[in-house]
Amino acid sequence: MDYLVVYTSKTGNTQKVAMKIFEALPGKSKDIVSLEELHGEEAETYFVGFWNNRGTCKTEVIDFLSELHCKRVALFGTCGLSGNKEYFKQVEKQVAVFIPDDNEYLGCFLCGGKMAPQILEKYRQMQVINDTPQIRALISAYEDAMLHPNEQDFQNACEFAESALKK
């Protein structure tokens, strides 16, 4: 197989981006599967998707990446804090470090993604105790995240996939 899109998705955001990346890949020698349902499928090129978990990804994604050898690997994911390019770079760095050196790293695409309602509730409880600019910024980021991933994010994901394959 030429391409395999492997992803994990907590709220469905990363799955939506995975589907768009899959659609952007050329040819018919491709597949898409959640990490939880992966059963030994292999490919020359992997697009590995994750949801941001406190600046990195789940242990299962780290384990999967660590086991890839002599492949072409691209990362993609969703983050609750959207629009912060510096933060996206930090997340990419935290995840890409787990790709063994014998692979060809093709880059990373990150976009915003909706967060669970419990997170907003937690922020609101914090705000009641101490209404700081930082808490207000977190609430604002949550509200912005509810608009993602959007059509522009999907288009950017497709463009990323196409450009990654040209490397």
Protein backbone atom coordinates (compact mmCIF):
# COMPACT_ATOMS: atom_id res chain seq x y z
CA MET A 1 0.00 0.00 0.00
CA ASP A 2 1.23 3.50 -0.80
CA TYR A 3 -0.55 5.52 1.90
CA LEU A 4 -2.06 4.81 5.28
CA VAL A 5 -3.88 7.45 7.33
CA VAL A 6 -3.85 6.40 10.99
CA TYR A 7 -5.52 8.58 13.58
CA THR A 8 -6.92 8.75 17.07
CA SER A 9 -9.82 11.08 17.82
CA LYS A 10 -11.42 11.87 21.15
CA THR A 11 -14.24 14.18 20.02
CA GLY A 12 -14.33 13.52 16.25
CA ASN A 13 -12.25 16.55 15.21
CA THR A 14 -9.14 14.61 14.22
CA GLN A 15 -11.24 11.99 12.45
CA LYS A 16 -12.76 14.71 10.26
CA VAL A 17 -9.31 16.02 9.34
CA ALA A 18 -8.13 12.45 8.69
CA MET A 19 -10.96 11.92 6.21
CA LYS A 20 -10.01 15.09 4.31
CA ILE A 21 -6.35 14.07 4.17
CA PHE A 22 -7.36 10.60 2.97
CA GLU A 23 -9.49 12.14 0.21
CA ALA A 24 -6.54 14.31 -0.88
CA LEU A 25 -4.19 11.35 -1.32
CA PRO A 26 -3.80 10.21 -4.93
CA GLY A 27 -4.57 6.80 -6.35
CA LYS A 28 -6.30 3.80 -4.89
CA SER A 29 -3.44 2.24 -2.95
CA LYS A 30 -4.46 3.88 0.31
CA ASP A 31 -6.44 3.21 3.46
CA ILE A 32 -7.64 5.01 6.56
CA VAL A 33 -8.01 3.43 10.00
CA SER A 34 -8.25 4.55 13.59
CA LEU A 35 -5.25 3.59 15.69
CA GLU A 36 -7.53 1.55 17.92
CA GLU A 37 -8.63 -0.57 14.92
CA LEU A 38 -5.20 -0.95 13.30
CA HIS A 39 -4.32 -4.61 12.68
CA GLY A 40 -0.94 -4.79 10.99
CA GLU A 41 -1.68 -2.73 7.89
CA GLU A 42 1.49 -1.28 6.39
CA ALA A 43 2.33 1.41 3.86
CA GLU A 44 5.24 3.34 2.42
CA THR A 45 3.85 6.68 3.64
CA TYR A 46 1.95 7.30 6.87
CA PHE A 47 -0.17 10.27 7.86
CA VAL A 48 -0.53 9.95 11.63
CA GLY A 49 -3.23 11.99 13.34
CA PHE A 50 -3.68 12.80 17.00
CA TRP A 51 -5.53 15.15 19.30
CA ASN A 52 -3.43 17.42 21.42
CA ASN A 53 -3.19 16.18 24.98
CA ARG A 54 -1.46 18.85 27.09
CA GLY A 55 1.06 19.72 24.42
CA THR A 56 1.69 16.25 23.04
CA CYS A 57 -0.23 13.12 22.03
CA LYS A 58 -1.50 9.97 23.70
CA THR A 59 0.96 7.23 24.67
CA GLU A 60 -0.58 4.94 22.05
CA VAL A 61 0.42 7.39 19.30
CA ILE A 62 3.93 7.65 20.73
CA ASP A 63 4.21 3.85 20.74
CA PHE A 64 2.94 3.62 17.16
CA LEU A 65 5.33 6.28 15.89
CA SER A 66 8.26 4.70 17.73
CA GLU A 67 7.67 1.41 15.89
CA LEU A 68 7.76 2.91 12.38
CA HIS A 69 11.02 2.34 10.51
CA CYS A 70 12.20 3.28 7.02
CA LYS A 71 8.90 4.98 6.16
CA ARG A 72 7.75 8.42 5.12
CA VAL A 73 5.82 9.98 8.02
CA ALA A 74 3.64 13.08 8.24
CA LEU A 75 1.83 14.23 11.34
CA PHE A 76 -1.48 16.01 11.69
CA GLY A 77 -3.69 16.88 14.59
CA THR A 78 -6.18 19.10 16.31
CA CYS A 79 -5.66 21.42 19.27
CA GLY A 80 -8.13 23.22 21.47
CA LEU A 81 -5.94 26.31 21.33
CA SER A 82 -6.24 27.29 17.69
CA GLY A 83 -4.48 30.05 15.84
CA ASN A 84 -1.36 30.03 18.01
CA LYS A 85 1.43 29.12 15.59
CA GLU A 86 4.10 29.09 18.28
CA TYR A 87 2.06 26.65 20.34
CA PHE A 88 1.50 24.49 17.23
CA LYS A 89 5.29 24.39 16.69
CA GLN A 90 5.80 23.28 20.29
CA VAL A 91 3.22 20.50 19.90
CA GLU A 92 4.80 19.36 16.63
CA LYS A 93 8.24 19.25 18.26
CA GLN A 94 6.90 17.28 21.26
CA VAL A 95 5.35 14.64 18.97
CA ALA A 96 7.87 14.49 16.09
CA VAL A 97 10.65 13.57 18.52
CA PHE A 98 9.12 10.07 18.72
CA ILE A 99 9.61 9.37 15.01
CA PRO A 100 12.78 7.26 14.66
CA ASP A 101 15.60 8.83 12.64
CA ASP A 102 15.51 6.17 9.90
CA ASN A 103 12.17 7.60 8.71
CA GLU A 104 11.69 10.55 6.37
CA TYR A 105 9.73 13.21 8.24
CA LEU A 106 7.32 15.06 5.94
CA GLY A 107 6.09 17.74 8.34
CA CYS A 108 3.05 18.46 10.45
CA PHE A 109 -0.35 20.08 10.06
CA LEU A 110 -2.25 21.27 13.12
CA CYS A 111 -5.54 23.10 13.37
CA GLY A 112 -8.04 24.01 16.02
CA GLY A 113 -10.67 21.63 17.26
CA LYS A 114 -13.74 21.69 19.44
CA MET A 115 -13.20 20.86 23.10
CA ALA A 116 -15.43 18.93 25.43
CA PRO A 117 -18.08 20.97 27.32
CA GLN A 118 -16.53 19.91 30.64
CA ILE A 119 -13.51 22.06 29.84
CA LEU A 120 -15.63 25.19 29.57
CA GLU A 121 -17.34 24.27 32.84
CA LYS A 122 -13.92 23.94 34.50
CA TYR A 123 -12.89 27.37 33.16
CA ARG A 124 -16.15 28.92 34.39
CA GLN A 125 -15.61 27.47 37.87
CA MET A 126 -12.09 28.88 37.90
CA GLN A 127 -13.49 32.25 36.81
CA VAL A 128 -15.93 32.34 39.72
CA ILE A 129 -13.04 31.88 42.15
CA ASN A 130 -10.64 34.30 40.46
CA ASP A 131 -11.64 36.22 37.33
CA THR A 132 -8.21 36.86 35.77
CA PRO A 133 -7.24 37.86 32.22
CA GLN A 134 -5.73 34.38 31.81
CA ILE A 135 -9.05 32.69 32.65
CA ARG A 136 -10.90 35.01 30.28
CA ALA A 137 -8.34 34.16 27.57
CA LEU A 138 -8.94 30.43 28.12
CA ILE A 139 -12.70 30.94 27.81
CA SER A 140 -12.18 32.96 24.64
CA ALA A 141 -9.92 30.23 23.23
CA TYR A 142 -12.59 27.64 24.04
CA GLU A 143 -15.22 29.68 22.21
CA ASP A 144 -12.94 30.08 19.19
CA ALA A 145 -12.17 26.36 19.19
CA MET A 146 -15.89 25.61 18.84
CA LEU A 147 -15.64 26.97 15.28
CA HIS A 148 -13.00 24.38 14.28
CA PRO A 149 -12.15 22.38 12.35
CA ASN A 150 -13.83 24.44 9.65
CA GLU A 151 -13.77 24.41 5.85
CA GLN A 152 -10.56 26.48 5.76
CA ASP A 153 -8.90 23.97 8.11
CA PHE A 154 -9.99 21.12 5.83
CA GLN A 155 -8.65 22.90 2.77
CA ASN A 156 -5.35 23.57 4.57
CA ALA A 157 -5.15 19.88 5.56
CA CYS A 158 -5.59 18.82 1.92
CA GLU A 159 -2.93 21.29 0.79
CA PHE A 160 -0.61 20.00 3.50
CA ALA A 161 -1.08 16.40 2.33
CA GLU A 162 -0.39 17.33 -1.27
CA SER A 163 2.73 19.34 -0.40
CA ALA A 164 4.03 16.63 1.97
CA LEU A 165 3.95 14.10 -0.86
CA LYS A 166 6.11 16.37 -3.03
CA LYS A 167 8.97 16.23 -0.52
